[in-house]
C-alpha atoms as a PDB file:
ATOM      1  CA  MET A   1      28.438 -40.233 -18.725  1.00  0.00           C
ATOM      2  CA  THR A   2      25.294 -40.823 -20.821  1.00  0.00           C
ATOM      3  CA  ASP A   3      24.277 -38.283 -23.146  1.00  0.00           C
ATOM      4  CA  ASP A   4      21.711 -36.937 -20.798  1.00  0.00           C
ATOM      5  CA  ASP A   5      24.419 -36.329 -18.066  1.00  0.00           C
ATOM      6  CA  ALA A   6      26.409 -34.699 -20.869  1.00  0.00           C
ATOM      7  CA  ASN A   7      23.739 -32.408 -22.314  1.00  0.00           C
ATOM      8  CA  ARG A   8      23.077 -31.239 -18.581  1.00  0.00           C
ATOM      9  CA  SER A   9      26.767 -30.548 -17.958  1.00  0.00           C
ATOM     10  CA  LEU A  10      27.075 -28.597 -20.983  1.00  0.00           C
ATOM     11  CA  GLY A  11      23.803 -26.821 -20.266  1.00  0.00           C
ATOM     12  CA  GLU A  12      25.267 -26.114 -16.811  1.00  0.00           C
ATOM     13  CA  GLN A  13      28.432 -24.657 -18.171  1.00  0.00           C
ATOM     14  CA  THR A  14      26.471 -22.415 -20.583  1.00  0.00           C
ATOM     15  CA  TYR A  15      24.403 -21.115 -17.850  1.00  0.00           C
ATOM     16  CA  GLN A  16      27.109 -20.214 -15.889  1.00  0.00           C
ATOM     17  CA  ARG A  17      29.042 -18.656 -18.815  1.00  0.00           C
ATOM     18  CA  LEU A  18      25.885 -16.678 -19.645  1.00  0.00           C
ATOM     19  CA  VAL A  19      25.553 -15.272 -16.222  1.00  0.00           C
ATOM     20  CA  ALA A  20      29.321 -14.536 -16.004  1.00  0.00           C
ATOM     21  CA  TRP A  21      29.082 -12.667 -19.368  1.00  0.00           C
ATOM     22  CA  MET A  22      26.087 -10.402 -18.164  1.00  0.00           C
ATOM     23  CA  ARG A  23      27.583  -9.588 -14.976  1.00  0.00           C
ATOM     24  CA  GLN A  24      31.044  -8.501 -16.828  1.00  0.00           C
ATOM     25  CA  SER A  25      28.892  -6.819 -19.452  1.00  0.00           C
ATOM     26  CA  ALA A  26      27.303  -4.701 -16.660  1.00  0.00           C
ATOM     27  CA  MET A  27      23.908  -5.149 -18.588  1.00  0.00           C
ATOM     28  CA  GLU A  28      20.951  -2.648 -17.574  1.00  0.00           C
ATOM     29  CA  GLU A  29      17.508  -3.500 -17.145  1.00  0.00           C
ATOM     30  CA  ASP A  30      15.909  -4.039 -20.702  1.00  0.00           C
ATOM     31  CA  THR A  31      19.183  -4.594 -22.447  1.00  0.00           C
ATOM     32  CA  ARG A  32      18.248  -6.540 -25.561  1.00  0.00           C
ATOM     33  CA  LEU A  33      20.142  -9.749 -25.908  1.00  0.00           C
ATOM     34  CA  PRO A  34      21.904 -11.095 -29.246  1.00  0.00           C
ATOM     35  CA  GLY A  35      19.861 -13.668 -31.036  1.00  0.00           C
ATOM     36  CA  GLU A  36      20.052 -17.183 -30.573  1.00  0.00           C
ATOM     37  CA  HIS A  37      22.040 -17.826 -33.727  1.00  0.00           C
ATOM     38  CA  ALA A  38      24.706 -15.265 -32.455  1.00  0.00           C
ATOM     39  CA  LEU A  39      24.719 -16.418 -28.923  1.00  0.00           C
ATOM     40  CA  ALA A  40      25.227 -19.913 -29.937  1.00  0.00           C
ATOM     41  CA  HIS A  41      28.030 -19.089 -32.047  1.00  0.00           C
ATOM     42  CA  GLN A  42      29.461 -16.769 -29.102  1.00  0.00           C
ATOM     43  CA  PHE A  43      29.438 -19.725 -26.546  1.00  0.00           C
ATOM     44  CA  SER A  44      30.235 -22.552 -29.536  1.00  0.00           C
ATOM     45  CA  VAL A  45      27.122 -24.592 -28.314  1.00  0.00           C
ATOM     46  CA  SER A  46      24.080 -26.023 -29.999  1.00  0.00           C
ATOM     47  CA  ARG A  47      20.815 -23.647 -29.954  1.00  0.00           C
ATOM     48  CA  PRO A  48      19.045 -26.475 -28.069  1.00  0.00           C
ATOM     49  CA  ILE A  49      21.569 -26.348 -25.202  1.00  0.00           C
ATOM     50  CA  LEU A  50      21.646 -22.412 -25.389  1.00  0.00           C
ATOM     51  CA  ARG A  51      17.910 -22.503 -25.251  1.00  0.00           C
ATOM     52  CA  GLN A  52      17.970 -24.793 -22.184  1.00  0.00           C
ATOM     53  CA  ALA A  53      20.251 -22.005 -20.322  1.00  0.00           C
ATOM     54  CA  LEU A  54      18.232 -19.398 -21.575  1.00  0.00           C
ATOM     55  CA  ALA A  55      15.065 -20.919 -20.025  1.00  0.00           C
ATOM     56  CA  ARG A  56      16.411 -21.453 -16.672  1.00  0.00           C
ATOM     57  CA  LEU A  57      17.496 -17.652 -16.783  1.00  0.00           C
ATOM     58  CA  ARG A  58      14.011 -16.830 -17.642  1.00  0.00           C
ATOM     59  CA  ALA A  59      12.517 -19.095 -14.868  1.00  0.00           C
ATOM     60  CA  GLU A  60      14.714 -17.285 -12.471  1.00  0.00           C
ATOM     61  CA  GLY A  61      13.602 -13.958 -13.542  1.00  0.00           C
ATOM     62  CA  ARG A  62      17.036 -12.693 -14.683  1.00  0.00           C
ATOM     63  CA  LEU A  63      15.504 -12.758 -18.451  1.00  0.00           C
ATOM     64  CA  TYR A  64      12.469 -11.873 -19.949  1.00  0.00           C
ATOM     65  CA  ALA A  65      10.920 -12.357 -23.567  1.00  0.00           C
ATOM     66  CA  ARG A  66       8.957 -10.118 -25.507  1.00  0.00           C
ATOM     67  CA  LYS A  67       6.940 -11.781 -28.514  1.00  0.00           C
ATOM     68  CA  GLY A  68       8.613 -10.942 -31.623  1.00  0.00           C
ATOM     69  CA  SER A  69      11.280  -8.739 -30.229  1.00  0.00           C
ATOM     70  CA  GLY A  70      13.569 -11.055 -28.482  1.00  0.00           C
ATOM     71  CA  THR A  71      15.192 -11.583 -24.887  1.00  0.00           C
ATOM     72  CA  PHE A  72      15.909  -9.046 -22.551  1.00  0.00           C
ATOM     73  CA  VAL A  73      17.404  -8.327 -19.090  1.00  0.00           C
ATOM     74  CA  GLN A  74      15.150  -8.434 -16.133  1.00  0.00           C
ATOM     75  CA  ALA A  75      15.148  -5.501 -13.477  1.00  0.00           C
ATOM     76  CA  GLY A  76      17.247  -6.421 -10.584  1.00  0.00           C
ATOM     77  CA  THR A  77      19.214  -9.029 -12.106  1.00  0.00           C
ATOM     78  CA  ARG A  78      22.359  -7.893 -10.517  1.00  0.00           C
ATOM     79  CA  ALA A  79      21.042  -7.760  -7.175  1.00  0.00           C
ATOM     80  CA  LEU A  80      20.619 -11.462  -6.822  1.00  0.00           C
ATOM     81  CA  PRO A  81      23.237 -12.755  -4.086  1.00  0.00           C
ATOM     82  CA  ALA A  82      25.735 -15.608  -4.930  1.00  0.00           C
ATOM     83  CA  MET A  83      25.081 -18.166  -2.683  1.00  0.00           C
ATOM     84  CA  THR A  84      26.792 -21.718  -2.342  1.00  0.00           C
ATOM     85  CA  PHE A  85      26.013 -24.904  -0.535  1.00  0.00           C
ATOM     86  CA  GLN A  86      28.087 -28.109  -0.062  1.00  0.00           C
ATOM     87  CA  PRO A  87      27.359 -31.095  -2.212  1.00  0.00           C
ATOM     88  CA  LEU A  88      25.351 -33.773  -0.666  1.00  0.00           C
ATOM     89  CA  ALA A  89      27.460 -36.382   0.763  1.00  0.00           C
ATOM     90  CA  ASN A  90      25.252 -39.321   1.883  1.00  0.00           C
ATOM     91  CA  ILE A  91      21.821 -40.850   2.268  1.00  0.00           C
ATOM     92  CA  PRO A  92      21.089 -38.739   5.606  1.00  0.00           C
ATOM     93  CA  ASP A  93      22.298 -35.721   3.797  1.00  0.00           C
ATOM     94  CA  VAL A  94      19.585 -36.166   0.857  1.00  0.00           C
ATOM     95  CA  GLN A  95      16.786 -36.636   3.680  1.00  0.00           C
ATOM     96  CA  ARG A  96      17.964 -33.618   5.443  1.00  0.00           C
ATOM     97  CA  PHE A  97      17.962 -31.654   2.294  1.00  0.00           C
ATOM     98  CA  LEU A  98      14.350 -32.682   1.331  1.00  0.00           C
ATOM     99  CA  GLU A  99      13.486 -31.844   4.593  1.00  0.00           C
ATOM    100  CA  PHE A 100      14.531 -28.363   4.257  1.00  0.00           C
ATOM    101  CA  ARG A 101      13.071 -27.978   0.739  1.00  0.00           C
ATOM    102  CA  CYS A 102       9.665 -28.924   2.407  1.00  0.00           C
ATOM    103  CA  SER A 103       9.999 -26.066   4.866  1.00  0.00           C
ATOM    104  CA  VAL A 104      11.276 -23.601   2.256  1.00  0.00           C
ATOM    105  CA  GLU A 105       8.912 -24.449  -0.756  1.00  0.00           C
ATOM    106  CA  ARG A 106       5.571 -24.767   1.240  1.00  0.00           C
ATOM    107  CA  ALA A 107       6.046 -21.356   2.161  1.00  0.00           C
ATOM    108  CA  MET A 108       7.215 -20.230  -0.955  1.00  0.00           C
ATOM    109  CA  ALA A 109       3.904 -21.839  -2.949  1.00  0.00           C
ATOM    110  CA  ALA A 110       1.971 -19.903  -0.407  1.00  0.00           C
ATOM    111  CA  ASP A 111       3.506 -16.705  -1.064  1.00  0.00           C
ATOM    112  CA  ALA A 112       3.192 -17.496  -5.100  1.00  0.00           C
ATOM    113  CA  ALA A 113      -0.502 -18.159  -4.446  1.00  0.00           C
ATOM    114  CA  LEU A 114      -0.924 -14.812  -2.597  1.00  0.00           C
ATOM    115  CA  ARG A 115       1.208 -12.447  -4.951  1.00  0.00           C
ATOM    116  CA  ARG A 116       1.370 -14.178  -8.351  1.00  0.00           C
ATOM    117  CA  THR A 117       0.779 -11.931 -11.604  1.00  0.00           C
ATOM    118  CA  ALA A 118      -0.664 -12.857 -14.887  1.00  0.00           C
ATOM    119  CA  ASP A 119       2.976 -13.165 -16.389  1.00  0.00           C
ATOM    120  CA  ASP A 120       3.985 -15.404 -13.594  1.00  0.00           C
ATOM    121  CA  ILE A 121       0.884 -17.542 -14.450  1.00  0.00           C
ATOM    122  CA  ARG A 122       1.865 -17.963 -17.911  1.00  0.00           C
ATOM    123  CA  ALA A 123       5.339 -18.763 -17.062  1.00  0.00           C
ATOM    124  CA  ILE A 124       4.217 -21.662 -14.674  1.00  0.00           C
ATOM    125  CA  ALA A 125       1.835 -22.698 -17.338  1.00  0.00           C
ATOM    126  CA  ALA A 126       4.760 -22.772 -19.963  1.00  0.00           C
ATOM    127  CA  ALA A 127       6.843 -24.840 -17.444  1.00  0.00           C
ATOM    128  CA  GLN A 128       4.374 -27.420 -16.666  1.00  0.00           C
ATOM    129  CA  PRO A 129       3.962 -29.036 -20.494  1.00  0.00           C
ATOM    130  CA  ALA A 130       7.818 -28.584 -20.751  1.00  0.00           C
ATOM    131  CA  LEU A 131       8.233 -31.078 -18.089  1.00  0.00           C
ATOM    132  CA  GLU A 132       5.481 -33.398 -19.192  1.00  0.00           C
ATOM    133  CA  HIS A 133       6.911 -33.684 -22.573  1.00  0.00           C
ATOM    134  CA  ASP A 134      10.272 -34.495 -21.371  1.00  0.00           C
ATOM    135  CA  MET A 135       9.096 -37.177 -19.190  1.00  0.00           C
ATOM    136  CA  ALA A 136       6.391 -38.575 -22.073  1.00  0.00           C
ATOM    137  CA  THR A 137       9.529 -38.732 -24.704  1.00  0.00           C
ATOM    138  CA  GLY A 138      11.781 -40.520 -22.017  1.00  0.00           C
ATOM    139  CA  GLN A 139      13.910 -37.631 -21.112  1.00  0.00           C
ATOM    140  CA  SER A 140      14.907 -37.186 -17.550  1.00  0.00           C
ATOM    141  CA  GLY A 141      13.014 -33.981 -17.245  1.00  0.00           C
ATOM    142  CA  ILE A 142      15.175 -32.669 -14.233  1.00  0.00           C
ATOM    143  CA  GLU A 143      16.066 -29.403 -15.821  1.00  0.00           C
ATOM    144  CA  ALA A 144      12.325 -28.802 -16.529  1.00  0.00           C
ATOM    145  CA  ASP A 145      11.427 -29.715 -13.062  1.00  0.00           C
ATOM    146  CA  ILE A 146      13.960 -27.345 -11.849  1.00  0.00           C
ATOM    147  CA  ALA A 147      12.538 -24.696 -14.121  1.00  0.00           C
ATOM    148  CA  LEU A 148       9.127 -25.137 -13.027  1.00  0.00           C
ATOM    149  CA  HIS A 149       9.820 -24.688  -9.125  1.00  0.00           C
ATOM    150  CA  ALA A 150      11.982 -21.625 -10.241  1.00  0.00           C
ATOM    151  CA  ALA A 151       8.897 -20.131 -11.988  1.00  0.00           C
ATOM    152  CA  ILE A 152       6.993 -20.605  -8.930  1.00  0.00           C
ATOM    153  CA  ALA A 153       9.759 -19.162  -6.674  1.00  0.00           C
ATOM    154  CA  ARG A 154       9.597 -16.287  -8.913  1.00  0.00           C
ATOM    155  CA  ALA A 155       5.931 -15.763  -8.585  1.00  0.00           C
ATOM    156  CA  SER A 156       6.360 -15.462  -4.963  1.00  0.00           C
ATOM    157  CA  GLY A 157       7.734 -12.062  -5.492  1.00  0.00           C
ATOM    158  CA  ASN A 158      10.582 -12.922  -3.118  1.00  0.00           C
ATOM    159  CA  ARG A 159      13.978 -12.703  -4.736  1.00  0.00           C
ATOM    160  CA  PHE A 160      15.511 -14.829  -1.778  1.00  0.00           C
ATOM    161  CA  TYR A 161      13.440 -17.882  -2.944  1.00  0.00           C
ATOM    162  CA  VAL A 162      14.894 -17.553  -6.330  1.00  0.00           C
ATOM    163  CA  ALA A 163      18.465 -17.211  -4.944  1.00  0.00           C
ATOM    164  CA  VAL A 164      17.993 -20.109  -2.637  1.00  0.00           C
ATOM    165  CA  LEU A 165      16.598 -22.599  -5.166  1.00  0.00           C
ATOM    166  CA  ASP A 166      19.237 -21.524  -7.658  1.00  0.00           C
ATOM    167  CA  ALA A 167      22.026 -22.183  -5.278  1.00  0.00           C
ATOM    168  CA  LEU A 168      20.560 -25.625  -4.589  1.00  0.00           C
ATOM    169  CA  SER A 169      20.048 -26.689  -8.135  1.00  0.00           C
ATOM    170  CA  GLU A 170      23.085 -29.138  -8.294  1.00  0.00           C
ATOM    171  CA  GLN A 171      21.593 -30.704  -4.873  1.00  0.00           C
ATOM    172  CA  THR A 172      18.165 -30.740  -6.527  1.00  0.00           C
ATOM    173  CA  ARG A 173      19.579 -32.777  -9.644  1.00  0.00           C
ATOM    174  CA  PHE A 174      21.384 -35.047  -7.404  1.00  0.00           C
ATOM    175  CA  SER A 175      18.464 -35.766  -4.956  1.00  0.00           C
ATOM    176  CA  ILE A 176      15.934 -36.289  -8.225  1.00  0.00           C
ATOM    177  CA  LYS A 177      18.185 -38.598 -10.049  1.00  0.00           C
ATOM    178  CA  LEU A 178      18.863 -40.715  -6.797  1.00  0.00           C
ATOM    179  CA  THR A 179      15.126 -40.837  -6.083  1.00  0.00           C
ATOM    180  CA  ARG A 180      14.753 -42.261  -9.482  1.00  0.00           C
ATOM    181  CA  GLU A 181      17.685 -44.851  -9.054  1.00  0.00           C
ATOM    182  CA  LEU A 182      16.559 -46.319  -5.705  1.00  0.00           C
ATOM    183  CA  ALA A 183      12.656 -46.194  -6.088  1.00  0.00           C
ATOM    184  CA  THR A 184      10.688 -49.484  -6.207  1.00  0.00           C
ATOM    185  CA  ARG A 185       7.624 -48.424  -7.954  1.00  0.00           C
ATOM    186  CA  PRO A 186       7.333 -48.439 -11.743  1.00  0.00           C
ATOM    187  CA  ALA A 187       8.588 -45.278 -13.422  1.00  0.00           C
ATOM    188  CA  ALA A 188       5.043 -44.578 -15.239  1.00  0.00           C
ATOM    189  CA  ASP A 189       3.440 -44.654 -11.661  1.00  0.00           C
ATOM    190  CA  ARG A 190       5.925 -42.455 -10.287  1.00  0.00           C
ATOM    191  CA  ALA A 191       5.762 -39.992 -13.397  1.00  0.00           C
ATOM    192  CA  ARG A 192       1.823 -40.148 -12.737  1.00  0.00           C
ATOM    193  CA  ASP A 193       1.904 -39.060  -9.239  1.00  0.00           C
ATOM    194  CA  THR A 194       4.525 -36.314  -9.964  1.00  0.00           C
ATOM    195  CA  HIS A 195       2.420 -34.716 -12.611  1.00  0.00           C
ATOM    196  CA  SER A 196      -0.827 -34.878 -10.436  1.00  0.00           C
ATOM    197  CA  GLU A 197       1.288 -33.344  -7.516  1.00  0.00           C
ATOM    198  CA  HIS A 198       2.484 -30.399  -9.713  1.00  0.00           C
ATOM    199  CA  ALA A 199      -0.845 -29.875 -11.283  1.00  0.00           C
ATOM    200  CA  ARG A 200      -2.301 -29.400  -7.832  1.00  0.00           C
ATOM    201  CA  VAL A 201       0.309 -26.768  -6.866  1.00  0.00           C
ATOM    202  CA  CYS A 202       0.228 -24.998 -10.078  1.00  0.00           C
ATOM    203  CA  ASP A 203      -4.012 -24.893  -9.904  1.00  0.00           C
ATOM    204  CA  ALA A 204      -3.772 -23.652  -6.332  1.00  0.00           C
ATOM    205  CA  ILE A 205      -1.437 -20.812  -7.414  1.00  0.00           C
ATOM    206  CA  ARG A 206      -3.297 -19.932 -10.608  1.00  0.00           C
ATOM    207  CA  ASN A 207      -6.493 -19.660  -8.316  1.00  0.00           C
ATOM    208  CA  SER A 208      -4.942 -17.781  -5.412  1.00  0.00           C
ATOM    209  CA  ASP A 209      -5.628 -20.268  -2.784  1.00  0.00           C
ATOM    210  CA  VAL A 210      -2.827 -19.739  -0.374  1.00  0.00           C
ATOM    211  CA  GLU A 211      -3.645 -22.612   2.036  1.00  0.00           C
ATOM    212  CA  GLU A 212      -4.288 -25.195  -0.592  1.00  0.00           C
ATOM    213  CA  ALA A 213      -0.941 -24.161  -2.478  1.00  0.00           C
ATOM    214  CA  ARG A 214       1.109 -24.631   0.992  1.00  0.00           C
ATOM    215  CA  GLN A 215      -0.679 -27.951   1.270  1.00  0.00           C
ATOM    216  CA  ALA A 216      -0.142 -29.186  -2.124  1.00  0.00           C
ATOM    217  CA  MET A 217       3.532 -28.209  -2.351  1.00  0.00           C
ATOM    218  CA  ASP A 218       3.798 -29.837   1.032  1.00  0.00           C
ATOM    219  CA  ALA A 219       2.441 -33.176  -0.262  1.00  0.00           C
ATOM    220  CA  HIS A 220       4.456 -32.956  -3.438  1.00  0.00           C
ATOM    221  CA  LEU A 221       7.806 -32.645  -1.459  1.00  0.00           C
ATOM    222  CA  GLN A 222       6.623 -35.410   1.076  1.00  0.00           C
ATOM    223  CA  GLY A 223       5.853 -37.516  -1.804  1.00  0.00           C
ATOM    224  CA  GLY A 224       9.416 -37.166  -3.047  1.00  0.00           C
ATOM    225  CA  ILE A 225      10.724 -38.336   0.323  1.00  0.00           C
ATOM    226  CA  ALA A 226       8.225 -41.322   0.512  1.00  0.00           C
ATOM    227  CA  ARG A 227       9.170 -42.449  -2.945  1.00  0.00           C
ATOM    228  CA  LEU A 228      13.086 -42.229  -1.577  1.00  0.00           C
ATOM    229  CA  PHE A 229      12.687 -43.493   1.965  1.00  0.00           C
ATOM    230  CA  GLY A 230       9.143 -44.922   1.998  1.00  0.00           C
ATOM    231  CA  GLN A 231       8.398 -42.389   4.935  1.00  0.00           C
ATOM    232  CA  SER A 232       7.458 -38.903   5.418  1.00  0.00           C
ATOM    233  CA  ALA A 233       9.872 -36.214   6.762  1.00  0.00           C
ATOM    234  CA  ASP A 234       7.224 -35.474   9.432  1.00  0.00           C
ATOM    235  CA  PRO A 235       7.055 -38.175  12.156  1.00  0.00           C
ATOM    236  CA  ALA A 236       3.368 -37.186  12.620  1.00  0.00           C
ATOM    237  CA  ARG A 237       2.762 -38.474   8.992  1.00  0.00           C
ATOM    238  CA  ALA A 238       4.688 -41.532   8.941  1.00  0.00           C
END
């Protein structure tokens, strides 16, 4: 297991433990969480690992930050349903999964452009440079990629998009990693394409351009399919 895989695994475990702890504690809306130092000590993890888990919870809308005051429980956190999906078993599974993401996330992006708030725009704007930094410094950027899409889901104003993306996070990690391992184009070219695609989606959402957001997200996910399989999920585009 690489250091990156180990950190991802520990980050996932910390995330799951935080979710369980919040549920067991029956935390009400606007409850302030202990500080990072106290939480890191409580869960016996480093502060960077803890921040990774907290960032994911914020992107999902389960927590929010008040500048200078700390991190708080978001309204409706306990209403999020628990969902599970089977792991991806083979290459056809991965292709069907990516096709499903196309169908779901293009509608999600359109709703985000329609309903996004100023807070949503700030969350999306914060997630973009985090992803760019990870990729520029040689990190996988997978967690940051997931956090960006989760922020877009939150901006849609529909908690079911948030729940579905959360439930599919492991499948998403697997598909991104597989795409990178099997892709034939240079990593720098793929990173440049992904950055451009994400920027187009985020710009459309910020500009409240519903149709452009739909098309941009579709182009981004179709681009991922093309990078892995060399063709679009839609036969009409192949």
